[in-house]
Amino acid sequence: MRIFRFMKRSLIRADIAEAIYRQVGLSRNESSDMVGTIIEQISQTLDAGEQVKITSFGSFLVRNKKERVGRNPKTGQEVPITPRRVLSFRPSHILRKKVNS
């Protein structure tokens, strides 16, 4: 059984909370609080530089990128790119299979 209907728009936090409300039977407020708690826990873990693995879905990780020299494609001028942290997502093989089938 599908939890979410096919939508042409993005899946938003309220959609996830609504699905929990319908499938699990928690109140709408409890469902919304649960989604908020999960998102906050994921955010805190990533902010601490740790990896988040969700079985059958994928892994979120923070990578540190070093300073490097880039090039302005319009002018060809070299421009320094500052070091930064970037968020990466690696889908699980199960998710890849679902998306590609």
N, C-alpha and C. Protein backbone atom coordinates (compact mmCIF):
# COMPACT_ATOMS: atom_id res chain seq x y z
N MET A 1 0.83 -1.17 0.00
CA MET A 1 0.00 0.00 0.00
C MET A 1 0.87 1.24 0.00
N ARG A 2 0.55 2.19 -0.86
CA ARG A 2 1.33 3.41 -0.96
C ARG A 2 0.92 4.39 0.12
N ILE A 3 1.89 5.00 0.73
CA ILE A 3 1.62 5.99 1.77
C ILE A 3 1.30 7.34 1.13
N PHE A 4 2.03 7.71 0.09
CA PHE A 4 1.87 9.01 -0.53
C PHE A 4 1.25 8.86 -1.91
N ARG A 5 0.35 9.77 -2.22
CA ARG A 5 -0.21 9.79 -3.56
C ARG A 5 0.81 10.42 -4.48
N PHE A 6 0.73 10.08 -5.78
CA PHE A 6 1.62 10.68 -6.76
C PHE A 6 1.36 12.18 -6.80
N MET A 7 2.39 12.94 -6.61
CA MET A 7 2.26 14.39 -6.58
C MET A 7 3.22 15.02 -7.57
N LYS A 8 2.82 16.11 -8.16
CA LYS A 8 3.71 16.85 -9.05
C LYS A 8 4.53 17.87 -8.28
N ARG A 9 4.23 18.07 -7.02
CA ARG A 9 4.98 19.01 -6.21
C ARG A 9 5.94 18.25 -5.30
N SER A 10 6.70 18.98 -4.55
CA SER A 10 7.65 18.36 -3.62
C SER A 10 6.92 17.76 -2.43
N LEU A 11 7.52 16.73 -1.89
CA LEU A 11 7.02 16.14 -0.65
C LEU A 11 7.47 17.04 0.49
N ILE A 12 6.52 17.49 1.31
CA ILE A 12 6.86 18.42 2.38
C ILE A 12 6.64 17.76 3.73
N ARG A 13 7.13 18.41 4.76
CA ARG A 13 7.04 17.91 6.13
C ARG A 13 5.60 17.56 6.50
N ALA A 14 4.65 18.41 6.11
CA ALA A 14 3.24 18.17 6.45
C ALA A 14 2.72 16.89 5.80
N ASP A 15 3.20 16.56 4.60
CA ASP A 15 2.79 15.32 3.94
C ASP A 15 3.26 14.09 4.72
N ILE A 16 4.47 14.17 5.23
CA ILE A 16 5.01 13.06 6.01
C ILE A 16 4.23 12.91 7.32
N ALA A 17 3.95 14.03 7.97
CA ALA A 17 3.18 14.00 9.22
C ALA A 17 1.78 13.44 8.96
N GLU A 18 1.17 13.82 7.85
CA GLU A 18 -0.16 13.31 7.50
C GLU A 18 -0.13 11.81 7.26
N ALA A 19 0.92 11.31 6.62
CA ALA A 19 1.05 9.87 6.38
C ALA A 19 1.19 9.11 7.70
N ILE A 20 1.95 9.66 8.63
CA ILE A 20 2.10 9.03 9.95
C ILE A 20 0.75 9.02 10.66
N TYR A 21 0.04 10.13 10.58
CA TYR A 21 -1.29 10.23 11.20
C TYR A 21 -2.21 9.14 10.67
N ARG A 22 -2.21 8.94 9.36
CA ARG A 22 -3.12 7.95 8.74
C ARG A 22 -2.67 6.51 8.96
N GLN A 23 -1.38 6.26 8.87
CA GLN A 23 -0.88 4.89 8.94
C GLN A 23 -0.70 4.39 10.37
N VAL A 24 -0.23 5.24 11.26
CA VAL A 24 0.10 4.82 12.62
C VAL A 24 -1.04 5.09 13.58
N GLY A 25 -1.78 6.16 13.32
CA GLY A 25 -2.91 6.47 14.18
C GLY A 25 -2.62 7.46 15.28
N LEU A 26 -1.45 8.09 15.24
CA LEU A 26 -1.16 9.15 16.20
C LEU A 26 -2.00 10.38 15.83
N SER A 27 -2.13 11.29 16.76
CA SER A 27 -2.85 12.53 16.44
C SER A 27 -2.02 13.33 15.44
N ARG A 28 -2.65 14.31 14.82
CA ARG A 28 -1.93 15.15 13.85
C ARG A 28 -0.80 15.92 14.55
N ASN A 29 -1.06 16.41 15.74
CA ASN A 29 -0.02 17.13 16.48
C ASN A 29 1.14 16.22 16.85
N GLU A 30 0.83 15.02 17.32
CA GLU A 30 1.89 14.06 17.67
C GLU A 30 2.69 13.67 16.43
N SER A 31 2.01 13.48 15.31
CA SER A 31 2.69 13.13 14.06
C SER A 31 3.63 14.25 13.62
N SER A 32 3.14 15.47 13.71
CA SER A 32 3.95 16.62 13.33
C SER A 32 5.16 16.77 14.25
N ASP A 33 4.95 16.57 15.54
CA ASP A 33 6.05 16.63 16.51
C ASP A 33 7.08 15.54 16.24
N MET A 34 6.61 14.34 15.88
CA MET A 34 7.51 13.23 15.60
C MET A 34 8.39 13.55 14.39
N VAL A 35 7.79 14.06 13.34
CA VAL A 35 8.56 14.42 12.14
C VAL A 35 9.59 15.50 12.49
N GLY A 36 9.17 16.50 13.26
CA GLY A 36 10.09 17.56 13.68
C GLY A 36 11.25 17.03 14.50
N THR A 37 10.96 16.10 15.40
CA THR A 37 12.00 15.50 16.23
C THR A 37 13.00 14.71 15.39
N ILE A 38 12.50 13.95 14.44
CA ILE A 38 13.37 13.15 13.56
C ILE A 38 14.27 14.07 12.73
N ILE A 39 13.68 15.09 12.14
CA ILE A 39 14.47 16.02 11.31
C ILE A 39 15.51 16.75 12.16
N GLU A 40 15.13 17.16 13.35
CA GLU A 40 16.07 17.85 14.24
C GLU A 40 17.22 16.93 14.64
N GLN A 41 16.93 15.66 14.92
CA GLN A 41 17.98 14.71 15.29
C GLN A 41 18.94 14.49 14.12
N ILE A 42 18.41 14.36 12.92
CA ILE A 42 19.26 14.19 11.73
C ILE A 42 20.13 15.42 11.54
N SER A 43 19.53 16.61 11.67
CA SER A 43 20.28 17.87 11.49
C SER A 43 21.41 17.99 12.51
N GLN A 44 21.13 17.69 13.77
CA GLN A 44 22.15 17.79 14.81
C GLN A 44 23.29 16.82 14.56
N THR A 45 22.96 15.61 14.14
CA THR A 45 23.98 14.61 13.86
C THR A 45 24.88 15.05 12.71
N LEU A 46 24.28 15.57 11.65
CA LEU A 46 25.07 16.04 10.51
C LEU A 46 25.90 17.26 10.88
N ASP A 47 25.34 18.16 11.68
CA ASP A 47 26.07 19.34 12.12
C ASP A 47 27.30 18.95 12.92
N ALA A 48 27.22 17.86 13.66
CA ALA A 48 28.36 17.36 14.44
C ALA A 48 29.38 16.65 13.55
N GLY A 49 29.09 16.53 12.26
CA GLY A 49 30.03 15.90 11.34
C GLY A 49 29.89 14.40 11.26
N GLU A 50 28.84 13.85 11.84
CA GLU A 50 28.63 12.41 11.82
C GLU A 50 27.75 12.00 10.65
N GLN A 51 27.80 10.74 10.31
CA GLN A 51 27.02 10.18 9.20
C GLN A 51 25.66 9.70 9.70
N VAL A 52 24.64 9.83 8.85
CA VAL A 52 23.30 9.34 9.16
C VAL A 52 22.94 8.27 8.14
N LYS A 53 22.69 7.05 8.61
CA LYS A 53 22.31 5.94 7.73
C LYS A 53 20.86 5.56 8.01
N ILE A 54 20.06 5.51 6.96
CA ILE A 54 18.68 5.07 7.08
C ILE A 54 18.55 3.82 6.21
N THR A 55 18.35 2.68 6.85
CA THR A 55 18.30 1.41 6.16
C THR A 55 17.28 1.43 5.04
N SER A 56 17.62 0.86 3.91
CA SER A 56 16.79 0.76 2.71
C SER A 56 16.51 2.11 2.06
N PHE A 57 17.16 3.17 2.55
CA PHE A 57 16.96 4.49 1.95
C PHE A 57 18.28 5.07 1.48
N GLY A 58 19.23 5.26 2.41
CA GLY A 58 20.52 5.80 2.02
C GLY A 58 21.26 6.40 3.20
N SER A 59 22.36 7.08 2.87
CA SER A 59 23.22 7.68 3.89
C SER A 59 23.44 9.16 3.58
N PHE A 60 23.39 9.97 4.62
CA PHE A 60 23.73 11.37 4.53
C PHE A 60 25.08 11.54 5.21
N LEU A 61 25.97 12.30 4.59
CA LEU A 61 27.25 12.55 5.23
C LEU A 61 27.74 13.93 4.88
N VAL A 62 28.57 14.48 5.75
CA VAL A 62 29.15 15.80 5.56
C VAL A 62 30.59 15.59 5.13
N ARG A 63 30.96 16.25 4.02
CA ARG A 63 32.33 16.17 3.52
C ARG A 63 32.98 17.54 3.65
N ASN A 64 34.24 17.54 4.01
CA ASN A 64 35.02 18.78 4.06
C ASN A 64 35.75 18.95 2.75
N LYS A 65 35.49 20.06 2.07
CA LYS A 65 36.17 20.34 0.80
C LYS A 65 37.28 21.35 1.07
N LYS A 66 38.42 21.11 0.50
CA LYS A 66 39.57 21.99 0.68
C LYS A 66 39.44 23.23 -0.22
N GLU A 67 40.24 24.21 0.10
CA GLU A 67 40.30 25.39 -0.76
C GLU A 67 40.90 24.98 -2.10
N ARG A 68 40.38 25.57 -3.15
CA ARG A 68 40.90 25.26 -4.49
C ARG A 68 40.72 26.46 -5.38
N VAL A 69 41.31 26.37 -6.55
CA VAL A 69 41.21 27.45 -7.51
C VAL A 69 40.18 27.05 -8.56
N GLY A 70 39.20 27.92 -8.76
CA GLY A 70 38.20 27.69 -9.79
C GLY A 70 38.39 28.70 -10.91
N ARG A 71 37.57 28.61 -11.92
CA ARG A 71 37.70 29.52 -13.04
C ARG A 71 36.32 30.07 -13.41
N ASN A 72 36.24 31.39 -13.58
CA ASN A 72 35.01 32.01 -14.03
C ASN A 72 34.81 31.62 -15.50
N PRO A 73 33.73 30.90 -15.82
CA PRO A 73 33.56 30.42 -17.20
C PRO A 73 33.36 31.56 -18.21
N LYS A 74 32.88 32.69 -17.74
CA LYS A 74 32.62 33.81 -18.64
C LYS A 74 33.90 34.54 -19.03
N THR A 75 34.74 34.78 -18.02
CA THR A 75 35.95 35.58 -18.26
C THR A 75 37.23 34.74 -18.32
N GLY A 76 37.18 33.52 -17.78
CA GLY A 76 38.37 32.69 -17.72
C GLY A 76 39.29 33.05 -16.57
N GLN A 77 38.91 34.02 -15.75
CA GLN A 77 39.72 34.47 -14.63
C GLN A 77 39.70 33.44 -13.51
N GLU A 78 40.87 33.20 -12.92
CA GLU A 78 40.95 32.27 -11.79
C GLU A 78 40.38 32.92 -10.54
N VAL A 79 39.61 32.13 -9.78
CA VAL A 79 38.97 32.62 -8.57
C VAL A 79 39.17 31.59 -7.46
N PRO A 80 39.63 32.04 -6.26
CA PRO A 80 39.78 31.07 -5.17
C PRO A 80 38.41 30.65 -4.63
N ILE A 81 38.24 29.37 -4.40
CA ILE A 81 37.01 28.82 -3.80
C ILE A 81 37.37 28.44 -2.37
N THR A 82 36.66 29.03 -1.42
CA THR A 82 36.99 28.84 -0.01
C THR A 82 36.66 27.42 0.46
N PRO A 83 37.35 26.95 1.50
CA PRO A 83 37.03 25.63 2.05
C PRO A 83 35.63 25.66 2.65
N ARG A 84 34.94 24.53 2.57
CA ARG A 84 33.58 24.47 3.08
C ARG A 84 33.17 23.04 3.36
N ARG A 85 32.05 22.91 4.04
CA ARG A 85 31.47 21.60 4.31
C ARG A 85 30.28 21.43 3.37
N VAL A 86 30.16 20.26 2.78
CA VAL A 86 29.03 20.00 1.89
C VAL A 86 28.31 18.74 2.34
N LEU A 87 27.01 18.73 2.12
CA LEU A 87 26.18 17.59 2.49
C LEU A 87 26.04 16.69 1.27
N SER A 88 26.28 15.40 1.47
CA SER A 88 26.16 14.42 0.39
C SER A 88 25.12 13.37 0.77
N PHE A 89 24.46 12.84 -0.23
CA PHE A 89 23.51 11.75 -0.02
C PHE A 89 23.88 10.61 -0.96
N ARG A 90 23.99 9.41 -0.40
CA ARG A 90 24.25 8.22 -1.19
C ARG A 90 23.06 7.29 -1.02
N PRO A 91 22.28 7.10 -2.08
CA PRO A 91 21.11 6.22 -1.96
C PRO A 91 21.54 4.77 -1.78
N SER A 92 20.71 4.00 -1.08
CA SER A 92 20.98 2.57 -0.91
C SER A 92 20.70 1.87 -2.23
N HIS A 93 21.21 0.67 -2.37
CA HIS A 93 20.95 -0.08 -3.61
C HIS A 93 19.47 -0.38 -3.76
N ILE A 94 18.75 -0.52 -2.65
CA ILE A 94 17.30 -0.77 -2.70
C ILE A 94 16.57 0.44 -3.27
N LEU A 95 16.94 1.64 -2.81
CA LEU A 95 16.31 2.86 -3.33
C LEU A 95 16.67 3.06 -4.80
N ARG A 96 17.92 2.83 -5.15
CA ARG A 96 18.34 2.96 -6.56
C ARG A 96 17.52 2.05 -7.45
N LYS A 97 17.33 0.82 -6.98
CA LYS A 97 16.56 -0.15 -7.76
C LYS A 97 15.11 0.31 -7.95
N LYS A 98 14.50 0.85 -6.88
CA LYS A 98 13.11 1.35 -6.98
C LYS A 98 13.01 2.51 -7.96
N VAL A 99 13.96 3.42 -7.88
CA VAL A 99 13.93 4.62 -8.74
C VAL A 99 14.16 4.23 -10.21
N ASN A 100 15.02 3.28 -10.44
CA ASN A 100 15.37 2.91 -11.82
C ASN A 100 14.44 1.89 -12.45
N SER A 101 13.48 1.36 -11.69
CA SER A 101 12.60 0.35 -12.28
C SER A 101 11.31 0.97 -12.78
